[in-house]
Amino acid sequence: MLEVKEEKGKQAAVEGFANEHIVVGLLMKKFQNVSLVDLPLSPYDIIIVLPDDGKEKIIRAQVKTSAKQISFTGGSRGGVDREYKSSAKTYIQSSKTADVVIGVKALNNNTFDLYFVPTVLIEILDQKSISLKKIPFLKNNYDILEKCQDSDYVLEFVTEKGLLKNK
């Protein structure tokens, strides 16, 4: 029984690492200046650098493997290292830790959907995860990725889509 759990944990860890690389590859084809973050204690996995009026805008992205929902939590261990104990506490992603959470959903034909959930939205939702069925308008929405730091834009967009109630 323990061997089966260990094997599932190893597979989950491999899938998570692979998904980070897949997201970097897909984003690199679109935005070019994209890189994995090789810092083990970093709350984000990827850096995206976009041109912004002659300057650079840096977007910090956390990648999550997502089948039916996207988890917004960080700081806990998953996969093969699940029993790892550290002083790190589990937290919900926020604009202090990342700019966007990217849910990666594998499709049957070896392609992937990316769900871009800005952390300014996560802060308002105040929950640990969200069903992919509730956010189809964030699927492969590169415009929301590029504007994920613009809280007015994000909140107006998701309100128009019915995710948030009008105030």
Foldseek 3Di string as FASTA:
>chain_A
DVVVQLVQLQVVVVVQVVQLVVVQVVVCVVQVQKDFDPDVPALAGMWGWHDDPNDIDIFGEHEAEDAFKGFQKDFADTGNCRVDDDPTDIDGDAVVRGQWYWYWHQDPVRDIKIFTGGRLVVVVVVDGMDTCVLPVVRIVPVVCVVCSVVSVVVVVVVCVVPSDPDD
